[in-house]
PDB file of N, CA and C in Angstrom:
ATOM      1  N   MET A   1     -48.999 -63.011 -22.350  1.00  0.00           N
ATOM      2  CA  MET A   1     -49.355 -62.778 -23.390  1.00  0.00           C
ATOM      3  C   MET A   1     -48.651 -61.165 -23.821  1.00  0.00           C
ATOM      4  N   ALA A   2     -48.573 -61.585 -24.779  1.00  0.00           N
ATOM      5  CA  ALA A   2     -47.584 -60.307 -25.599  1.00  0.00           C
ATOM      6  C   ALA A   2     -48.166 -60.237 -27.259  1.00  0.00           C
ATOM      7  N   ILE A   3     -47.910 -61.374 -28.233  1.00  0.00           N
ATOM      8  CA  ILE A   3     -47.785 -60.826 -29.407  1.00  0.00           C
ATOM      9  C   ILE A   3     -49.130 -62.065 -29.847  1.00  0.00           C
ATOM     10  N   ALA A   4     -50.111 -61.816 -30.749  1.00  0.00           N
ATOM     11  CA  ALA A   4     -50.346 -63.154 -31.062  1.00  0.00           C
ATOM     12  C   ALA A   4     -49.872 -63.523 -31.926  1.00  0.00           C
ATOM     13  N   SER A   5     -49.893 -65.371 -31.789  1.00  0.00           N
ATOM     14  CA  SER A   5     -48.994 -65.905 -32.659  1.00  0.00           C
ATOM     15  C   SER A   5     -49.883 -67.436 -32.894  1.00  0.00           C
ATOM     16  N   PRO A   6     -49.298 -68.113 -33.804  1.00  0.00           N
ATOM     17  CA  PRO A   6     -50.131 -68.863 -34.437  1.00  0.00           C
ATOM     18  C   PRO A   6     -50.765 -70.059 -33.303  1.00  0.00           C
ATOM     19  N   SER A   7     -50.018 -70.300 -32.469  1.00  0.00           N
ATOM     20  CA  SER A   7     -50.398 -71.452 -31.190  1.00  0.00           C
ATOM     21  C   SER A   7     -51.894 -71.277 -29.984  1.00  0.00           C
ATOM     22  N   MET A   8     -51.660 -69.418 -30.001  1.00  0.00           N
ATOM     23  CA  MET A   8     -52.523 -68.736 -29.421  1.00  0.00           C
ATOM     24  C   MET A   8     -54.305 -69.717 -29.100  1.00  0.00           C
ATOM     25  N   THR A   9     -54.678 -69.622 -28.745  1.00  0.00           N
ATOM     26  CA  THR A   9     -56.289 -70.312 -28.550  1.00  0.00           C
ATOM     27  C   THR A   9     -56.896 -69.205 -28.779  1.00  0.00           C
ATOM     28  N   ALA A  10     -58.381 -69.615 -28.731  1.00  0.00           N
ATOM     29  CA  ALA A  10     -59.127 -68.125 -29.090  1.00  0.00           C
ATOM     30  C   ALA A  10     -59.763 -67.630 -27.977  1.00  0.00           C
ATOM     31  N   ALA A  11     -59.504 -68.232 -26.921  1.00  0.00           N
ATOM     32  CA  ALA A  11     -59.936 -67.623 -25.157  1.00  0.00           C
ATOM     33  C   ALA A  11     -58.550 -66.403 -25.318  1.00  0.00           C
ATOM     34  N   GLU A  12     -57.354 -66.816 -25.635  1.00  0.00           N
ATOM     35  CA  GLU A  12     -56.309 -66.004 -25.450  1.00  0.00           C
ATOM     36  C   GLU A  12     -56.279 -64.739 -26.735  1.00  0.00           C
ATOM     37  N   LEU A  13     -56.762 -65.280 -27.706  1.00  0.00           N
ATOM     38  CA  LEU A  13     -57.143 -64.068 -28.690  1.00  0.00           C
ATOM     39  C   LEU A  13     -57.995 -62.925 -28.419  1.00  0.00           C
ATOM     40  N   GLU A  14     -58.922 -63.215 -27.418  1.00  0.00           N
ATOM     41  CA  GLU A  14     -60.214 -62.503 -27.395  1.00  0.00           C
ATOM     42  C   GLU A  14     -59.785 -61.731 -25.836  1.00  0.00           C
ATOM     43  N   ALA A  15     -58.944 -62.463 -25.200  1.00  0.00           N
ATOM     44  CA  ALA A  15     -58.318 -61.663 -24.090  1.00  0.00           C
ATOM     45  C   ALA A  15     -57.665 -60.306 -24.366  1.00  0.00           C
ATOM     46  N   LEU A  16     -56.689 -60.495 -25.572  1.00  0.00           N
ATOM     47  CA  LEU A  16     -55.652 -60.038 -26.161  1.00  0.00           C
ATOM     48  C   LEU A  16     -56.453 -58.691 -26.829  1.00  0.00           C
ATOM     49  N   LEU A  17     -57.860 -59.253 -27.763  1.00  0.00           N
ATOM     50  CA  LEU A  17     -58.587 -58.299 -28.318  1.00  0.00           C
ATOM     51  C   LEU A  17     -58.961 -57.258 -27.453  1.00  0.00           C
ATOM     52  N   ARG A  18     -59.291 -57.911 -26.260  1.00  0.00           N
ATOM     53  CA  ARG A  18     -60.267 -56.860 -25.488  1.00  0.00           C
ATOM     54  C   ARG A  18     -59.506 -56.018 -25.060  1.00  0.00           C
ATOM     55  N   VAL A  19     -58.302 -56.318 -24.782  1.00  0.00           N
ATOM     56  CA  VAL A  19     -57.056 -55.256 -24.159  1.00  0.00           C
ATOM     57  C   VAL A  19     -56.495 -54.068 -25.181  1.00  0.00           C
ATOM     58  N   ALA A  20     -56.968 -54.224 -26.191  1.00  0.00           N
ATOM     59  CA  ALA A  20     -55.807 -53.350 -27.817  1.00  0.00           C
ATOM     60  C   ALA A  20     -57.374 -52.524 -28.219  1.00  0.00           C
ATOM     61  N   LEU A  21     -58.327 -53.432 -28.516  1.00  0.00           N
ATOM     62  CA  LEU A  21     -59.163 -52.517 -29.164  1.00  0.00           C
ATOM     63  C   LEU A  21     -59.841 -51.428 -28.579  1.00  0.00           C
ATOM     64  N   PRO A  22     -60.342 -51.391 -26.962  1.00  0.00           N
ATOM     65  CA  PRO A  22     -60.429 -50.175 -26.214  1.00  0.00           C
ATOM     66  C   PRO A  22     -59.306 -48.737 -27.116  1.00  0.00           C
ATOM     67  N   SER A  23     -58.411 -48.945 -26.928  1.00  0.00           N
ATOM     68  CA  SER A  23     -57.051 -48.408 -26.955  1.00  0.00           C
ATOM     69  C   SER A  23     -57.325 -47.887 -28.332  1.00  0.00           C
ATOM     70  N   LEU A  24     -57.299 -48.935 -29.329  1.00  0.00           N
ATOM     71  CA  LEU A  24     -57.348 -48.425 -30.609  1.00  0.00           C
ATOM     72  C   LEU A  24     -58.143 -47.882 -31.118  1.00  0.00           C
ATOM     73  N   ASN A  25     -59.504 -48.034 -30.542  1.00  0.00           N
ATOM     74  CA  ASN A  25     -60.634 -47.443 -31.221  1.00  0.00           C
ATOM     75  C   ASN A  25     -60.841 -45.874 -30.616  1.00  0.00           C
ATOM     76  N   LEU A  26     -59.871 -45.510 -29.269  1.00  0.00           N
ATOM     77  CA  LEU A  26     -59.517 -44.259 -29.042  1.00  0.00           C
ATOM     78  C   LEU A  26     -58.891 -43.642 -29.759  1.00  0.00           C
ATOM     79  N   ALA A  27     -57.452 -44.277 -29.803  1.00  0.00           N
ATOM     80  CA  ALA A  27     -56.975 -43.548 -30.966  1.00  0.00           C
ATOM     81  C   ALA A  27     -57.235 -42.957 -32.144  1.00  0.00           C
ATOM     82  N   LEU A  28     -58.114 -44.473 -32.705  1.00  0.00           N
ATOM     83  CA  LEU A  28     -58.775 -43.952 -34.173  1.00  0.00           C
ATOM     84  C   LEU A  28     -59.624 -42.715 -33.978  1.00  0.00           C
ATOM     85  N   HIS A  29     -60.746 -42.519 -32.880  1.00  0.00           N
ATOM     86  CA  HIS A  29     -61.369 -41.654 -32.846  1.00  0.00           C
ATOM     87  C   HIS A  29     -60.944 -40.077 -32.706  1.00  0.00           C
ATOM     88  N   GLU A  30     -59.583 -40.477 -31.895  1.00  0.00           N
ATOM     89  CA  GLU A  30     -59.094 -38.676 -31.876  1.00  0.00           C
ATOM     90  C   GLU A  30     -58.251 -38.779 -33.169  1.00  0.00           C
ATOM     91  N   ARG A  31     -58.377 -39.477 -33.969  1.00  0.00           N
ATOM     92  CA  ARG A  31     -57.370 -38.864 -35.257  1.00  0.00           C
ATOM     93  C   ARG A  31     -58.725 -38.446 -35.839  1.00  0.00           C
ATOM     94  N   TYR A  32     -60.144 -38.933 -36.454  1.00  0.00           N
ATOM     95  CA  TYR A  32     -60.946 -38.378 -36.654  1.00  0.00           C
ATOM     96  C   TYR A  32     -61.588 -36.871 -36.206  1.00  0.00           C
ATOM     97  N   LEU A  33     -61.544 -36.589 -34.841  1.00  0.00           N
ATOM     98  CA  LEU A  33     -62.096 -35.640 -34.358  1.00  0.00           C
ATOM     99  C   LEU A  33     -60.778 -34.572 -35.036  1.00  0.00           C
ATOM    100  N   LYS A  34     -59.653 -34.865 -34.779  1.00  0.00           N
ATOM    101  CA  LYS A  34     -58.772 -33.515 -35.321  1.00  0.00           C
ATOM    102  C   LYS A  34     -59.163 -33.343 -36.388  1.00  0.00           C
ATOM    103  N   VAL A  35     -59.478 -33.843 -37.490  1.00  0.00           N
ATOM    104  CA  VAL A  35     -59.948 -33.729 -38.368  1.00  0.00           C
ATOM    105  C   VAL A  35     -60.511 -32.997 -38.105  1.00  0.00           C
ATOM    106  N   TYR A  36     -61.548 -33.102 -37.594  1.00  0.00           N
ATOM    107  CA  TYR A  36     -63.045 -32.309 -37.593  1.00  0.00           C
ATOM    108  C   TYR A  36     -62.920 -30.636 -37.106  1.00  0.00           C
ATOM    109  N   CYS A  37     -62.075 -31.032 -36.314  1.00  0.00           N
ATOM    110  CA  CYS A  37     -61.444 -29.813 -35.757  1.00  0.00           C
ATOM    111  C   CYS A  37     -60.836 -28.824 -36.710  1.00  0.00           C
ATOM    112  N   LEU A  38     -61.157 -29.238 -37.925  1.00  0.00           N
ATOM    113  CA  LEU A  38     -60.587 -28.227 -38.966  1.00  0.00           C
ATOM    114  C   LEU A  38     -61.922 -27.804 -39.808  1.00  0.00           C
ATOM    115  N   ASP A  39     -63.018 -28.212 -39.436  1.00  0.00           N
ATOM    116  CA  ASP A  39     -64.075 -27.728 -40.368  1.00  0.00           C
ATOM    117  C   ASP A  39     -64.461 -27.002 -38.946  1.00  0.00           C
ATOM    118  N   PRO A  40     -64.880 -25.121 -39.383  1.00  0.00           N
ATOM    119  CA  PRO A  40     -65.514 -24.286 -38.355  1.00  0.00           C
ATOM    120  C   PRO A  40     -66.520 -24.743 -37.944  1.00  0.00           C
ATOM    121  N   ASP A  41     -67.623 -25.647 -38.450  1.00  0.00           N
ATOM    122  CA  ASP A  41     -68.951 -25.833 -38.317  1.00  0.00           C
ATOM    123  C   ASP A  41     -68.833 -27.267 -37.418  1.00  0.00           C
ATOM    124  N   ALA A  42     -68.294 -28.087 -36.921  1.00  0.00           N
ATOM    125  CA  ALA A  42     -68.254 -28.822 -36.154  1.00  0.00           C
ATOM    126  C   ALA A  42     -66.965 -28.829 -35.256  1.00  0.00           C
ATOM    127  N   ALA A  43     -66.284 -27.920 -35.741  1.00  0.00           N
ATOM    128  CA  ALA A  43     -64.898 -27.510 -34.306  1.00  0.00           C
ATOM    129  C   ALA A  43     -65.520 -27.575 -32.900  1.00  0.00           C
ATOM    130  N   ALA A  44     -66.209 -26.816 -32.814  1.00  0.00           N
ATOM    131  CA  ALA A  44     -66.650 -26.830 -30.860  1.00  0.00           C
ATOM    132  C   ALA A  44     -67.245 -28.343 -30.915  1.00  0.00           C
ATOM    133  N   VAL A  45     -67.524 -29.037 -31.354  1.00  0.00           N
ATOM    134  CA  VAL A  45     -67.902 -30.252 -30.774  1.00  0.00           C
ATOM    135  C   VAL A  45     -66.464 -31.317 -31.085  1.00  0.00           C
ATOM    136  N   ALA A  46     -66.026 -31.070 -31.788  1.00  0.00           N
ATOM    137  CA  ALA A  46     -64.690 -32.048 -31.561  1.00  0.00           C
ATOM    138  C   ALA A  46     -64.195 -31.658 -30.659  1.00  0.00           C
ATOM    139  N   ALA A  47     -63.915 -30.646 -30.908  1.00  0.00           N
ATOM    140  CA  ALA A  47     -63.353 -29.652 -29.280  1.00  0.00           C
ATOM    141  C   ALA A  47     -63.232 -30.700 -28.322  1.00  0.00           C
ATOM    142  N   GLU A  48     -64.687 -30.445 -27.742  1.00  0.00           N
ATOM    143  CA  GLU A  48     -65.009 -31.175 -26.539  1.00  0.00           C
ATOM    144  C   GLU A  48     -65.269 -32.561 -26.365  1.00  0.00           C
ATOM    145  N   GLU A  49     -64.962 -33.036 -27.377  1.00  0.00           N
ATOM    146  CA  GLU A  49     -65.065 -34.711 -27.517  1.00  0.00           C
ATOM    147  C   GLU A  49     -63.659 -34.756 -27.583  1.00  0.00           C
ATOM    148  N   LEU A  50     -62.415 -34.292 -27.993  1.00  0.00           N
ATOM    149  CA  LEU A  50     -61.024 -34.697 -28.058  1.00  0.00           C
ATOM    150  C   LEU A  50     -60.867 -33.946 -26.332  1.00  0.00           C
ATOM    151  N   ALA A  51     -61.415 -33.522 -25.594  1.00  0.00           N
ATOM    152  CA  ALA A  51     -61.353 -32.749 -24.355  1.00  0.00           C
ATOM    153  C   ALA A  51     -61.768 -34.358 -23.449  1.00  0.00           C
ATOM    154  N   ILE A  52     -62.937 -34.879 -24.202  1.00  0.00           N
ATOM    155  CA  ILE A  52     -63.161 -36.125 -23.315  1.00  0.00           C
ATOM    156  C   ILE A  52     -62.136 -37.215 -23.460  1.00  0.00           C
ATOM    157  N   VAL A  53     -61.669 -37.640 -24.693  1.00  0.00           N
ATOM    158  CA  VAL A  53     -60.740 -38.473 -25.239  1.00  0.00           C
ATOM    159  C   VAL A  53     -59.196 -38.405 -24.590  1.00  0.00           C
ATOM    160  N   ASP A  54     -59.041 -36.706 -24.268  1.00  0.00           N
ATOM    161  CA  ASP A  54     -57.687 -36.582 -23.634  1.00  0.00           C
ATOM    162  C   ASP A  54     -57.770 -37.332 -22.416  1.00  0.00           C
ATOM    163  N   ARG A  55     -59.476 -36.958 -21.369  1.00  0.00           N
ATOM    164  CA  ARG A  55     -59.669 -37.568 -19.460  1.00  0.00           C
ATOM    165  C   ARG A  55     -59.210 -39.052 -19.960  1.00  0.00           C
ATOM    166  N   ILE A  56     -60.031 -39.838 -20.967  1.00  0.00           N
ATOM    167  CA  ILE A  56     -60.196 -41.244 -21.114  1.00  0.00           C
ATOM    168  C   ILE A  56     -58.723 -41.618 -20.850  1.00  0.00           C
ATOM    169  N   ARG A  57     -57.820 -41.144 -21.885  1.00  0.00           N
ATOM    170  CA  ARG A  57     -56.232 -41.342 -22.239  1.00  0.00           C
ATOM    171  C   ARG A  57     -55.291 -40.958 -20.871  1.00  0.00           C
ATOM    172  N   VAL A  58     -55.671 -40.493 -20.196  1.00  0.00           N
ATOM    173  CA  VAL A  58     -54.995 -40.181 -19.000  1.00  0.00           C
ATOM    174  C   VAL A  58     -55.342 -41.367 -17.645  1.00  0.00           C
ATOM    175  N   ARG A  59     -56.583 -41.570 -17.882  1.00  0.00           N
ATOM    176  CA  ARG A  59     -57.061 -42.399 -17.018  1.00  0.00           C
ATOM    177  C   ARG A  59     -56.342 -44.175 -17.699  1.00  0.00           C
ATOM    178  N   LEU A  60     -56.388 -44.280 -19.100  1.00  0.00           N
ATOM    179  CA  LEU A  60     -55.656 -45.652 -19.062  1.00  0.00           C
ATOM    180  C   LEU A  60     -54.282 -45.623 -18.733  1.00  0.00           C
ATOM    181  N   VAL A  61     -53.497 -44.184 -18.914  1.00  0.00           N
ATOM    182  CA  VAL A  61     -52.143 -44.438 -18.224  1.00  0.00           C
ATOM    183  C   VAL A  61     -51.951 -44.673 -17.173  1.00  0.00           C
ATOM    184  N   ARG A  62     -52.859 -43.856 -16.148  1.00  0.00           N
ATOM    185  CA  ARG A  62     -52.951 -44.536 -14.883  1.00  0.00           C
ATOM    186  C   ARG A  62     -53.100 -45.767 -14.614  1.00  0.00           C
ATOM    187  N   GLN A  63     -53.952 -46.579 -15.312  1.00  0.00           N
ATOM    188  CA  GLN A  63     -54.030 -47.890 -15.000  1.00  0.00           C
ATOM    189  C   GLN A  63     -53.402 -48.813 -15.990  1.00  0.00           C
ATOM    190  N   GLY A  64     -52.223 -47.998 -16.432  1.00  0.00           N
ATOM    191  CA  GLY A  64     -50.826 -48.633 -17.437  1.00  0.00           C
ATOM    192  C   GLY A  64     -51.541 -49.791 -18.679  1.00  0.00           C
ATOM    193  N   TRP A  65     -52.627 -49.300 -18.986  1.00  0.00           N
ATOM    194  CA  TRP A  65     -53.199 -49.545 -20.466  1.00  0.00           C
ATOM    195  C   TRP A  65     -52.914 -48.247 -21.670  1.00  0.00           C
ATOM    196  N   TRP A  66     -52.022 -48.015 -21.697  1.00  0.00           N
ATOM    197  CA  TRP A  66     -51.608 -46.712 -22.483  1.00  0.00           C
ATOM    198  C   TRP A  66     -50.310 -46.104 -22.427  1.00  0.00           C
ATOM    199  N   ASN A  67     -49.574 -46.351 -23.463  1.00  0.00           N
ATOM    200  CA  ASN A  67     -47.877 -45.538 -22.878  1.00  0.00           C
ATOM    201  C   ASN A  67     -47.492 -44.512 -23.602  1.00  0.00           C
TER     202      ASN A  67
END
């Protein structure tokens, strides 16, 4: 299953989204945290959370879900 197509069933679309959404959510969260790193008050917490994002990304790469 590669790309969503008009002939895709609801179950196939749901399976695709289960794979794609966690990676997309992680990438969006990382982008959000990078902005917060610019704020001196929020930088420490953002740096800690970015470290967590990096660990999750490494795990996803090992499992073949992130390239």
